[in-house]
C-alpha atoms as a PDB file:
ATOM      1  CA  UNK A   1    -125.286   7.736-183.445  1.00  0.00           C
ATOM      2  CA  UNK A   2    -125.135   8.399-179.779  1.00  0.00           C
ATOM      3  CA  UNK A   3    -127.737   6.926-177.473  1.00  0.00           C
ATOM      4  CA  UNK A   4    -130.166   9.390-176.027  1.00  0.00           C
ATOM      5  CA  UNK A   5    -129.195  10.687-172.641  1.00  0.00           C
ATOM      6  CA  UNK A   6    -131.235   9.344-169.782  1.00  0.00           C
ATOM      7  CA  UNK A   7    -133.128  11.799-167.756  1.00  0.00           C
ATOM      8  CA  UNK A   8    -132.767  11.401-164.021  1.00  0.00           C
ATOM      9  CA  UNK A   9    -135.845  10.105-162.275  1.00  0.00           C
ATOM     10  CA  UNK A  10    -136.909  10.502-158.709  1.00  0.00           C
ATOM     11  CA  UNK A  11    -135.329   7.214-157.697  1.00  0.00           C
ATOM     12  CA  UNK A  12    -132.050   8.027-159.346  1.00  0.00           C
ATOM     13  CA  UNK A  13    -130.810  11.324-157.930  1.00  0.00           C
ATOM     14  CA  UNK A  14    -128.229  13.223-159.893  1.00  0.00           C
ATOM     15  CA  UNK A  15    -124.769  13.408-158.429  1.00  0.00           C
ATOM     16  CA  UNK A  16    -124.264  17.044-159.236  1.00  0.00           C
ATOM     17  CA  UNK A  17    -120.518  16.976-158.817  1.00  0.00           C
ATOM     18  CA  UNK A  18    -120.037  14.340-161.520  1.00  0.00           C
ATOM     19  CA  UNK A  19    -123.148  14.906-163.545  1.00  0.00           C
ATOM     20  CA  UNK A  20    -124.035  11.225-163.301  1.00  0.00           C
ATOM     21  CA  UNK A  21    -127.056   9.456-161.909  1.00  0.00           C
ATOM     22  CA  UNK A  22    -126.645   7.017-159.037  1.00  0.00           C
ATOM     23  CA  UNK A  23    -129.050   4.291-157.954  1.00  0.00           C
ATOM     24  CA  UNK A  24    -130.624   4.918-154.604  1.00  0.00           C
ATOM     25  CA  UNK A  25    -130.198   2.248-151.970  1.00  0.00           C
ATOM     26  CA  UNK A  26    -132.783   3.838-149.781  1.00  0.00           C
ATOM     27  CA  UNK A  27    -135.972   1.937-148.995  1.00  0.00           C
ATOM     28  CA  UNK A  28    -139.345   3.596-149.156  1.00  0.00           C
ATOM     29  CA  UNK A  29    -140.270   5.160-145.827  1.00  0.00           C
ATOM     30  CA  UNK A  30    -143.074   2.618-145.273  1.00  0.00           C
ATOM     31  CA  UNK A  31    -140.619  -0.323-145.227  1.00  0.00           C
ATOM     32  CA  UNK A  32    -138.005   1.176-142.917  1.00  0.00           C
ATOM     33  CA  UNK A  33    -139.782   0.277-139.627  1.00  0.00           C
ATOM     34  CA  UNK A  34    -140.204  -3.333-140.834  1.00  0.00           C
ATOM     35  CA  UNK A  35    -136.578  -3.904-141.806  1.00  0.00           C
ATOM     36  CA  UNK A  36    -135.202  -5.118-138.441  1.00  0.00           C
ATOM     37  CA  UNK A  37    -138.208  -7.304-137.542  1.00  0.00           C
ATOM     38  CA  UNK A  38    -138.049  -8.899-141.007  1.00  0.00           C
ATOM     39  CA  UNK A  39    -134.307  -9.542-140.677  1.00  0.00           C
ATOM     40  CA  UNK A  40    -134.796 -11.051-137.202  1.00  0.00           C
ATOM     41  CA  UNK A  41    -137.625 -13.240-138.491  1.00  0.00           C
ATOM     42  CA  UNK A  42    -135.477 -14.433-141.387  1.00  0.00           C
ATOM     43  CA  UNK A  43    -132.605 -15.186-138.999  1.00  0.00           C
ATOM     44  CA  UNK A  44    -134.938 -17.127-136.666  1.00  0.00           C
ATOM     45  CA  UNK A  45    -136.264 -19.210-139.578  1.00  0.00           C
ATOM     46  CA  UNK A  46    -132.733 -20.041-140.720  1.00  0.00           C
ATOM     47  CA  UNK A  47    -131.625 -21.002-137.173  1.00  0.00           C
ATOM     48  CA  UNK A  48    -134.709 -23.191-136.621  1.00  0.00           C
ATOM     49  CA  UNK A  49    -134.173 -24.922-139.963  1.00  0.00           C
ATOM     50  CA  UNK A  50    -130.544 -25.666-139.062  1.00  0.00           C
ATOM     51  CA  UNK A  51    -131.498 -26.985-135.608  1.00  0.00           C
ATOM     52  CA  UNK A  52    -134.186 -29.231-137.084  1.00  0.00           C
ATOM     53  CA  UNK A  53    -131.804 -30.508-139.758  1.00  0.00           C
ATOM     54  CA  UNK A  54    -129.230 -31.431-137.120  1.00  0.00           C
ATOM     55  CA  UNK A  55    -131.837 -33.215-135.004  1.00  0.00           C
ATOM     56  CA  UNK A  56    -131.635 -30.744-132.155  1.00  0.00           C
ATOM     57  CA  UNK A  57    -135.217 -29.588-132.514  1.00  0.00           C
ATOM     58  CA  UNK A  58    -138.304 -31.739-132.396  1.00  0.00           C
ATOM     59  CA  UNK A  59    -136.623 -35.048-132.978  1.00  0.00           C
ATOM     60  CA  UNK A  60    -133.849 -36.854-134.710  1.00  0.00           C
ATOM     61  CA  UNK A  61    -134.221 -37.433-138.427  1.00  0.00           C
ATOM     62  CA  UNK A  62    -134.004 -41.029-139.478  1.00  0.00           C
ATOM     63  CA  UNK A  63    -134.295 -44.094-137.285  1.00  0.00           C
ATOM     64  CA  UNK A  64    -133.491 -43.858-133.600  1.00  0.00           C
ATOM     65  CA  UNK A  65    -130.700 -46.142-132.274  1.00  0.00           C
ATOM     66  CA  UNK A  66    -132.894 -48.604-130.365  1.00  0.00           C
ATOM     67  CA  UNK A  67    -133.394 -52.337-130.678  1.00  0.00           C
ATOM     68  CA  UNK A  68    -135.849 -54.701-128.999  1.00  0.00           C
ATOM     69  CA  UNK A  69    -134.506 -56.810-126.169  1.00  0.00           C
ATOM     70  CA  UNK A  70    -135.915 -59.271-123.681  1.00  0.00           C
ATOM     71  CA  UNK A  71    -137.148 -57.603-120.488  1.00  0.00           C
ATOM     72  CA  UNK A  72    -136.228 -60.629-118.347  1.00  0.00           C
ATOM     73  CA  UNK A  73    -132.862 -62.307-117.981  1.00  0.00           C
ATOM     74  CA  UNK A  74    -132.696 -66.085-118.302  1.00  0.00           C
ATOM     75  CA  UNK A  75    -132.865 -66.700-114.506  1.00  0.00           C
ATOM     76  CA  UNK A  76    -135.721 -64.202-114.222  1.00  0.00           C
ATOM     77  CA  UNK A  77    -137.618 -66.082-116.928  1.00  0.00           C
ATOM     78  CA  UNK A  78    -137.165 -69.355-115.065  1.00  0.00           C
ATOM     79  CA  UNK A  79    -138.386 -67.829-111.787  1.00  0.00           C
ATOM     80  CA  UNK A  80    -141.295 -66.079-113.525  1.00  0.00           C
ATOM     81  CA  UNK A  81    -142.690 -69.327-114.937  1.00  0.00           C
ATOM     82  CA  UNK A  82    -142.190 -71.078-111.589  1.00  0.00           C
ATOM     83  CA  UNK A  83    -144.097 -68.267-109.856  1.00  0.00           C
ATOM     84  CA  UNK A  84    -146.947 -68.494-112.374  1.00  0.00           C
ATOM     85  CA  UNK A  85    -147.206 -72.296-111.985  1.00  0.00           C
ATOM     86  CA  UNK A  86    -146.954 -72.163-108.190  1.00  0.00           C
ATOM     87  CA  UNK A  87    -149.475 -69.327-107.818  1.00  0.00           C
ATOM     88  CA  UNK A  88    -152.227 -69.916-110.426  1.00  0.00           C
ATOM     89  CA  UNK A  89    -154.786 -67.861-108.485  1.00  0.00           C
ATOM     90  CA  UNK A  90    -152.527 -64.819-108.299  1.00  0.00           C
ATOM     91  CA  UNK A  91    -151.252 -62.114-110.630  1.00  0.00           C
ATOM     92  CA  UNK A  92    -147.492 -62.185-111.185  1.00  0.00           C
ATOM     93  CA  UNK A  93    -145.985 -58.995-112.582  1.00  0.00           C
ATOM     94  CA  UNK A  94    -142.389 -58.632-113.719  1.00  0.00           C
ATOM     95  CA  UNK A  95    -140.107 -55.573-113.740  1.00  0.00           C
ATOM     96  CA  UNK A  96    -142.492 -53.211-111.956  1.00  0.00           C
ATOM     97  CA  UNK A  97    -141.481 -49.671-111.054  1.00  0.00           C
ATOM     98  CA  UNK A  98    -141.487 -49.206-107.270  1.00  0.00           C
ATOM     99  CA  UNK A  99    -143.416 -45.948-107.727  1.00  0.00           C
ATOM    100  CA  UNK A 100    -146.271 -47.984-109.286  1.00  0.00           C
ATOM    101  CA  UNK A 101    -146.568 -50.020-106.082  1.00  0.00           C
ATOM    102  CA  UNK A 102    -145.735 -47.476-103.363  1.00  0.00           C
ATOM    103  CA  UNK A 103    -147.418 -44.132-102.856  1.00  0.00           C
ATOM    104  CA  UNK A 104    -146.417 -41.125-100.770  1.00  0.00           C
ATOM    105  CA  UNK A 105    -148.678 -40.437 -97.787  1.00  0.00           C
ATOM    106  CA  UNK A 106    -150.702 -37.225 -97.824  1.00  0.00           C
ATOM    107  CA  UNK A 107    -149.103 -34.346 -96.023  1.00  0.00           C
ATOM    108  CA  UNK A 108    -145.601 -35.381 -97.063  1.00  0.00           C
ATOM    109  CA  UNK A 109    -143.460 -33.731 -99.736  1.00  0.00           C
ATOM    110  CA  UNK A 110    -144.509 -35.907-102.694  1.00  0.00           C
ATOM    111  CA  UNK A 111    -141.664 -34.974-105.036  1.00  0.00           C
ATOM    112  CA  UNK A 112    -138.914 -35.347-102.450  1.00  0.00           C
ATOM    113  CA  UNK A 113    -140.098 -38.803-101.333  1.00  0.00           C
ATOM    114  CA  UNK A 114    -141.081 -40.040-104.772  1.00  0.00           C
ATOM    115  CA  UNK A 115    -137.661 -39.071-106.138  1.00  0.00           C
ATOM    116  CA  UNK A 116    -136.101 -41.579-103.721  1.00  0.00           C
ATOM    117  CA  UNK A 117    -137.875 -44.473-105.429  1.00  0.00           C
ATOM    118  CA  UNK A 118    -138.799 -43.315-108.935  1.00  0.00           C
ATOM    119  CA  UNK A 119    -135.898 -45.071-110.687  1.00  0.00           C
ATOM    120  CA  UNK A 120    -136.143 -48.316-108.718  1.00  0.00           C
ATOM    121  CA  UNK A 121    -137.961 -51.452-109.821  1.00  0.00           C
ATOM    122  CA  UNK A 122    -139.003 -54.776-108.343  1.00  0.00           C
ATOM    123  CA  UNK A 123    -138.092 -57.930-110.229  1.00  0.00           C
ATOM    124  CA  UNK A 124    -141.531 -59.385-109.428  1.00  0.00           C
ATOM    125  CA  UNK A 125    -144.715 -58.305-107.684  1.00  0.00           C
ATOM    126  CA  UNK A 126    -147.241 -60.939-106.583  1.00  0.00           C
ATOM    127  CA  UNK A 127    -150.831 -59.706-106.291  1.00  0.00           C
ATOM    128  CA  UNK A 128    -154.194 -61.165-105.358  1.00  0.00           C
ATOM    129  CA  UNK A 129    -156.791 -61.269-108.150  1.00  0.00           C
ATOM    130  CA  UNK A 130    -158.048 -57.820-107.065  1.00  0.00           C
ATOM    131  CA  UNK A 131    -154.502 -56.434-107.628  1.00  0.00           C
ATOM    132  CA  UNK A 132    -153.727 -56.097-103.916  1.00  0.00           C
ATOM    133  CA  UNK A 133    -149.977 -56.476-103.537  1.00  0.00           C
ATOM    134  CA  UNK A 134    -149.071 -59.522-101.438  1.00  0.00           C
ATOM    135  CA  UNK A 135    -145.300 -59.487-101.812  1.00  0.00           C
ATOM    136  CA  UNK A 136    -142.416 -58.129-103.815  1.00  0.00           C
ATOM    137  CA  UNK A 137    -139.584 -60.364-104.967  1.00  0.00           C
ATOM    138  CA  UNK A 138    -135.987 -59.544-105.794  1.00  0.00           C
ATOM    139  CA  UNK A 139    -133.685 -61.963-107.559  1.00  0.00           C
ATOM    140  CA  UNK A 140    -130.130 -61.153-106.499  1.00  0.00           C
ATOM    141  CA  UNK A 141    -127.008 -61.965-108.478  1.00  0.00           C
ATOM    142  CA  UNK A 142    -123.360 -60.940-108.186  1.00  0.00           C
ATOM    143  CA  UNK A 143    -124.177 -57.347-109.205  1.00  0.00           C
ATOM    144  CA  UNK A 144    -125.889 -56.928-105.821  1.00  0.00           C
ATOM    145  CA  UNK A 145    -122.524 -57.397-104.071  1.00  0.00           C
ATOM    146  CA  UNK A 146    -121.236 -53.896-104.929  1.00  0.00           C
ATOM    147  CA  UNK A 147    -121.479 -51.134-102.309  1.00  0.00           C
ATOM    148  CA  UNK A 148    -123.582 -48.914-104.597  1.00  0.00           C
ATOM    149  CA  UNK A 149    -126.039 -51.699-105.352  1.00  0.00           C
ATOM    150  CA  UNK A 150    -126.231 -52.671-101.676  1.00  0.00           C
ATOM    151  CA  UNK A 151    -127.175 -49.059-100.835  1.00  0.00           C
ATOM    152  CA  UNK A 152    -129.851 -49.084-103.549  1.00  0.00           C
ATOM    153  CA  UNK A 153    -131.195 -52.429-102.290  1.00  0.00           C
ATOM    154  CA  UNK A 154    -131.276 -51.044 -98.735  1.00  0.00           C
ATOM    155  CA  UNK A 155    -133.285 -48.039 -99.891  1.00  0.00           C
ATOM    156  CA  UNK A 156    -135.721 -50.312-101.735  1.00  0.00           C
ATOM    157  CA  UNK A 157    -136.032 -52.649 -98.732  1.00  0.00           C
ATOM    158  CA  UNK A 158    -136.666 -49.728 -96.348  1.00  0.00           C
ATOM    159  CA  UNK A 159    -139.348 -48.173 -98.561  1.00  0.00           C
ATOM    160  CA  UNK A 160    -141.066 -51.543 -99.055  1.00  0.00           C
ATOM    161  CA  UNK A 161    -141.004 -52.426 -95.350  1.00  0.00           C
ATOM    162  CA  UNK A 162    -142.227 -48.976 -94.274  1.00  0.00           C
ATOM    163  CA  UNK A 163    -145.148 -49.322 -96.706  1.00  0.00           C
ATOM    164  CA  UNK A 164    -146.105 -52.567 -94.949  1.00  0.00           C
ATOM    165  CA  UNK A 165    -145.223 -54.900 -97.822  1.00  0.00           C
ATOM    166  CA  UNK A 166    -143.165 -58.070 -97.778  1.00  0.00           C
ATOM    167  CA  UNK A 167    -139.873 -58.218 -99.631  1.00  0.00           C
ATOM    168  CA  UNK A 168    -138.593 -61.673-100.517  1.00  0.00           C
ATOM    169  CA  UNK A 169    -135.029 -62.011-101.776  1.00  0.00           C
ATOM    170  CA  UNK A 170    -133.785 -65.093-103.535  1.00  0.00           C
ATOM    171  CA  UNK A 171    -130.326 -65.600-105.009  1.00  0.00           C
ATOM    172  CA  UNK A 172    -129.975 -66.472-108.666  1.00  0.00           C
ATOM    173  CA  UNK A 173    -127.749 -69.461-107.774  1.00  0.00           C
ATOM    174  CA  UNK A 174    -130.469 -71.048-105.615  1.00  0.00           C
ATOM    175  CA  UNK A 175    -133.790 -70.426-107.319  1.00  0.00           C
ATOM    176  CA  UNK A 176    -136.734 -71.833-105.343  1.00  0.00           C
ATOM    177  CA  UNK A 177    -138.855 -74.609-106.742  1.00  0.00           C
ATOM    178  CA  UNK A 178    -142.651 -74.380-106.862  1.00  0.00           C
ATOM    179  CA  UNK A 179    -143.078 -75.922-103.396  1.00  0.00           C
ATOM    180  CA  UNK A 180    -140.678 -73.388-101.848  1.00  0.00           C
ATOM    181  CA  UNK A 181    -142.491 -70.553-103.628  1.00  0.00           C
ATOM    182  CA  UNK A 182    -145.852 -71.706-102.253  1.00  0.00           C
ATOM    183  CA  UNK A 183    -144.343 -72.070 -98.788  1.00  0.00           C
ATOM    184  CA  UNK A 184    -142.817 -68.584 -98.853  1.00  0.00           C
ATOM    185  CA  UNK A 185    -145.821 -66.762-100.277  1.00  0.00           C
ATOM    186  CA  UNK A 186    -148.930 -68.669 -99.223  1.00  0.00           C
ATOM    187  CA  UNK A 187    -148.067 -69.752 -95.705  1.00  0.00           C
ATOM    188  CA  UNK A 188    -147.589 -66.205 -94.426  1.00  0.00           C
ATOM    189  CA  UNK A 189    -150.402 -64.651 -96.485  1.00  0.00           C
END
């Protein structure tokens, strides 16, 4: 027994030349205007998912490659504790950004001047109890002998001096004792 012949429906137009029905690949007229926006949206979702998966969007998956380290070198630690003992009525701050201590005067191009100091730091800042800066301290070692570092130190010294602050430089090979610290900081204050 032969199966009953299928009658063509509206969605399956008859190919009159062959007498066969073919499936229509045409979308309803209401979906045609949405086709390209939907394809673009789908593409955007796929691209965003790939970027996020590769850590290029919003953050890196998994732990970041950082570890905790000491903010002060061994000589800096020694000098820090000497400063604290020698100056008990003062605030001693370590590793302070220069831009936290110096401001740009009104009327000047803030960004241009701040960019000159925004990546610099003082090894120590000595303040009165009301946080008024009394002096800045740099502890120099052999890295300060290079031409690049000397230029950076000169820029830091110039900015500090022009702001009316004292810059004290001590060498790591001849750290001052408590009496020398008091002499340097309290006698001129």
